[in-house]
Amino acid sequence: MTDLTALEYSIIKTISKAHHLNLENRLSEINVRTRENTGAGRYVYFEACVAQGLSCADGDYDGGGAMVECPSVPNGLGFILTVEGGMPVMLEIATYGNVGWAGEEEGCRVI
């Protein structure tokens, strides 16, 4: 079972499809170690031993043109998934511009 939020799940699924990372069927194996809401975004750090047998090319992956539409954030949110050692290690979600976001997800969706 995963402890990704619904929004985090949708974001990683979108990134995986955009960059052919083949994570879509393995999302339940990704476990969150910590979350840090910064006031303008969120860092989500994953357990070191995620998805046994999973291997992605190292790098930073965006949504391939997708973004998060959110009622409380006028310009939306962008996101990046960092892969190191073949494993997802961190998801960054951030506002565009000088706008705050307290991390509330109600009504937010990937578009």
C-alpha atoms as a PDB file:
ATOM      1  CA  MET A   1       0.000   0.000   0.000  1.00  0.00           C
ATOM      2  CA  THR A   2       1.182   3.502  -0.810  1.00  0.00           C
ATOM      3  CA  ASP A   3       1.038   6.623   1.249  1.00  0.00           C
ATOM      4  CA  LEU A   4       1.141   8.948  -1.741  1.00  0.00           C
ATOM      5  CA  THR A   5      -1.675  11.483  -1.737  1.00  0.00           C
ATOM      6  CA  ALA A   6      -4.091  11.382  -4.666  1.00  0.00           C
ATOM      7  CA  LEU A   7      -2.393  14.445  -6.181  1.00  0.00           C
ATOM      8  CA  GLU A   8       1.119  13.009  -5.775  1.00  0.00           C
ATOM      9  CA  TYR A   9      -0.073   9.741  -7.331  1.00  0.00           C
ATOM     10  CA  SER A  10      -1.517  11.606 -10.345  1.00  0.00           C
ATOM     11  CA  ILE A  11       1.640  13.685 -10.751  1.00  0.00           C
ATOM     12  CA  ILE A  12       3.990  10.683 -10.730  1.00  0.00           C
ATOM     13  CA  LYS A  13       1.710   8.790 -13.105  1.00  0.00           C
ATOM     14  CA  THR A  14       1.748  11.783 -15.481  1.00  0.00           C
ATOM     15  CA  ILE A  15       5.552  12.078 -15.328  1.00  0.00           C
ATOM     16  CA  SER A  16       5.963   8.344 -15.872  1.00  0.00           C
ATOM     17  CA  LYS A  17       3.783   8.389 -18.973  1.00  0.00           C
ATOM     18  CA  ALA A  18       5.449  11.537 -20.370  1.00  0.00           C
ATOM     19  CA  HIS A  19       8.939  10.053 -20.044  1.00  0.00           C
ATOM     20  CA  HIS A  20       8.200   6.301 -20.427  1.00  0.00           C
ATOM     21  CA  LEU A  21       9.492   5.478 -16.946  1.00  0.00           C
ATOM     22  CA  ASN A  22       7.127   2.506 -16.540  1.00  0.00           C
ATOM     23  CA  LEU A  23       6.116   3.501 -13.018  1.00  0.00           C
ATOM     24  CA  GLU A  24       2.355   3.395 -13.602  1.00  0.00           C
ATOM     25  CA  ASN A  25       1.940  -0.210 -12.444  1.00  0.00           C
ATOM     26  CA  ARG A  26       4.433   0.178  -9.580  1.00  0.00           C
ATOM     27  CA  LEU A  27       3.068   3.269  -7.810  1.00  0.00           C
ATOM     28  CA  SER A  28       1.762   1.226  -4.902  1.00  0.00           C
ATOM     29  CA  GLU A  29       5.383   0.259  -4.146  1.00  0.00           C
ATOM     30  CA  ILE A  30       6.551   3.864  -3.682  1.00  0.00           C
ATOM     31  CA  ASN A  31       6.519   4.835  -0.025  1.00  0.00           C
ATOM     32  CA  VAL A  32       6.868   8.356   1.297  1.00  0.00           C
ATOM     33  CA  ARG A  33       9.596   8.900   3.904  1.00  0.00           C
ATOM     34  CA  THR A  34       8.839  12.590   4.603  1.00  0.00           C
ATOM     35  CA  ARG A  35       6.931  15.581   3.254  1.00  0.00           C
ATOM     36  CA  GLU A  36       8.047  19.168   3.632  1.00  0.00           C
ATOM     37  CA  ASN A  37       5.522  21.894   2.826  1.00  0.00           C
ATOM     38  CA  THR A  38       7.515  25.067   2.179  1.00  0.00           C
ATOM     39  CA  GLY A  39       4.720  27.620   1.832  1.00  0.00           C
ATOM     40  CA  ALA A  40       5.294  27.834  -1.920  1.00  0.00           C
ATOM     41  CA  GLY A  41       5.383  24.127  -2.629  1.00  0.00           C
ATOM     42  CA  ARG A  42       6.214  20.706  -1.258  1.00  0.00           C
ATOM     43  CA  TYR A  43       9.121  18.296  -1.240  1.00  0.00           C
ATOM     44  CA  VAL A  44       8.192  14.623  -1.014  1.00  0.00           C
ATOM     45  CA  TYR A  45      11.069  12.266  -0.190  1.00  0.00           C
ATOM     46  CA  PHE A  46      10.717   8.547  -0.863  1.00  0.00           C
ATOM     47  CA  GLU A  47      12.060   5.534   1.013  1.00  0.00           C
ATOM     48  CA  ALA A  48      15.486   4.431  -0.210  1.00  0.00           C
ATOM     49  CA  CYS A  49      14.303   0.905  -1.036  1.00  0.00           C
ATOM     50  CA  VAL A  50      11.373   1.672  -3.330  1.00  0.00           C
ATOM     51  CA  ALA A  51       9.953  -0.752  -5.846  1.00  0.00           C
ATOM     52  CA  GLN A  52      12.354  -3.679  -5.811  1.00  0.00           C
ATOM     53  CA  GLY A  53      13.490  -4.413  -9.340  1.00  0.00           C
ATOM     54  CA  LEU A  54      12.491  -0.973 -10.581  1.00  0.00           C
ATOM     55  CA  SER A  55      15.137   0.904 -12.531  1.00  0.00           C
ATOM     56  CA  CYS A  56      14.700   4.262 -14.249  1.00  0.00           C
ATOM     57  CA  ALA A  57      17.341   6.413 -15.919  1.00  0.00           C
ATOM     58  CA  ASP A  58      18.739   8.961 -13.471  1.00  0.00           C
ATOM     59  CA  GLY A  59      17.612  12.550 -13.942  1.00  0.00           C
ATOM     60  CA  ASP A  60      15.008  15.179 -13.211  1.00  0.00           C
ATOM     61  CA  TYR A  61      11.688  14.605 -14.971  1.00  0.00           C
ATOM     62  CA  ASP A  62       8.921  17.157 -15.498  1.00  0.00           C
ATOM     63  CA  GLY A  63       5.345  16.593 -16.579  1.00  0.00           C
ATOM     64  CA  GLY A  64       5.988  16.952 -20.293  1.00  0.00           C
ATOM     65  CA  GLY A  65       3.865  20.114 -20.460  1.00  0.00           C
ATOM     66  CA  ALA A  66       1.372  19.103 -17.780  1.00  0.00           C
ATOM     67  CA  MET A  67       0.781  21.165 -14.648  1.00  0.00           C
ATOM     68  CA  VAL A  68      -1.462  21.159 -11.600  1.00  0.00           C
ATOM     69  CA  GLU A  69      -4.563  23.329 -11.684  1.00  0.00           C
ATOM     70  CA  CYS A  70      -5.499  24.307  -8.145  1.00  0.00           C
ATOM     71  CA  PRO A  71      -8.283  26.669  -6.978  1.00  0.00           C
ATOM     72  CA  SER A  72      -6.046  28.287  -4.346  1.00  0.00           C
ATOM     73  CA  VAL A  73      -3.111  28.878  -6.730  1.00  0.00           C
ATOM     74  CA  PRO A  74      -3.944  31.223  -9.630  1.00  0.00           C
ATOM     75  CA  ASN A  75      -0.990  30.254 -11.845  1.00  0.00           C
ATOM     76  CA  GLY A  76      -0.994  26.556 -11.002  1.00  0.00           C
ATOM     77  CA  LEU A  77       1.788  24.285  -9.811  1.00  0.00           C
ATOM     78  CA  GLY A  78       4.715  22.692 -11.595  1.00  0.00           C
ATOM     79  CA  PHE A  79       6.488  19.496 -10.593  1.00  0.00           C
ATOM     80  CA  ILE A  80       9.741  17.570 -10.985  1.00  0.00           C
ATOM     81  CA  LEU A  81      10.535  13.950 -10.095  1.00  0.00           C
ATOM     82  CA  THR A  82      14.187  13.247  -9.245  1.00  0.00           C
ATOM     83  CA  VAL A  83      15.538   9.765  -9.964  1.00  0.00           C
ATOM     84  CA  GLU A  84      18.908   8.699  -8.530  1.00  0.00           C
ATOM     85  CA  GLY A  85      20.421   5.249  -8.591  1.00  0.00           C
ATOM     86  CA  GLY A  86      17.543   4.133 -10.795  1.00  0.00           C
ATOM     87  CA  MET A  87      14.936   4.913  -8.121  1.00  0.00           C
ATOM     88  CA  PRO A  88      12.567   7.866  -7.552  1.00  0.00           C
ATOM     89  CA  VAL A  89      13.993   9.753  -4.570  1.00  0.00           C
ATOM     90  CA  MET A  90      12.132  13.068  -4.468  1.00  0.00           C
ATOM     91  CA  LEU A  91       9.109  14.856  -5.917  1.00  0.00           C
ATOM     92  CA  GLU A  92       9.060  18.648  -5.904  1.00  0.00           C
ATOM     93  CA  ILE A  93       5.774  20.506  -6.382  1.00  0.00           C
ATOM     94  CA  ALA A  94       6.034  24.301  -6.623  1.00  0.00           C
ATOM     95  CA  THR A  95       3.993  27.380  -7.449  1.00  0.00           C
ATOM     96  CA  TYR A  96       4.716  29.590 -10.425  1.00  0.00           C
ATOM     97  CA  GLY A  97       5.566  33.150  -9.494  1.00  0.00           C
ATOM     98  CA  ASN A  98       5.421  34.742  -6.077  1.00  0.00           C
ATOM     99  CA  VAL A  99       2.381  32.828  -4.831  1.00  0.00           C
ATOM    100  CA  GLY A 100       1.947  30.825  -1.651  1.00  0.00           C
ATOM    101  CA  TRP A 101       0.512  27.326  -1.318  1.00  0.00           C
ATOM    102  CA  ALA A 102      -0.081  25.678   2.032  1.00  0.00           C
ATOM    103  CA  GLY A 103      -0.284  22.188   0.531  1.00  0.00           C
ATOM    104  CA  GLU A 104      -4.067  21.837   0.391  1.00  0.00           C
ATOM    105  CA  GLU A 105      -5.073  19.511  -2.432  1.00  0.00           C
ATOM    106  CA  GLU A 106      -8.853  19.784  -2.541  1.00  0.00           C
ATOM    107  CA  GLY A 107      -9.921  20.647  -6.071  1.00  0.00           C
ATOM    108  CA  CYS A 108      -6.390  20.294  -7.475  1.00  0.00           C
ATOM    109  CA  ARG A 109      -5.875  18.191 -10.591  1.00  0.00           C
ATOM    110  CA  VAL A 110      -3.203  17.502 -13.198  1.00  0.00           C
ATOM    111  CA  ILE A 111      -4.014  19.023 -16.567  1.00  0.00           C
END
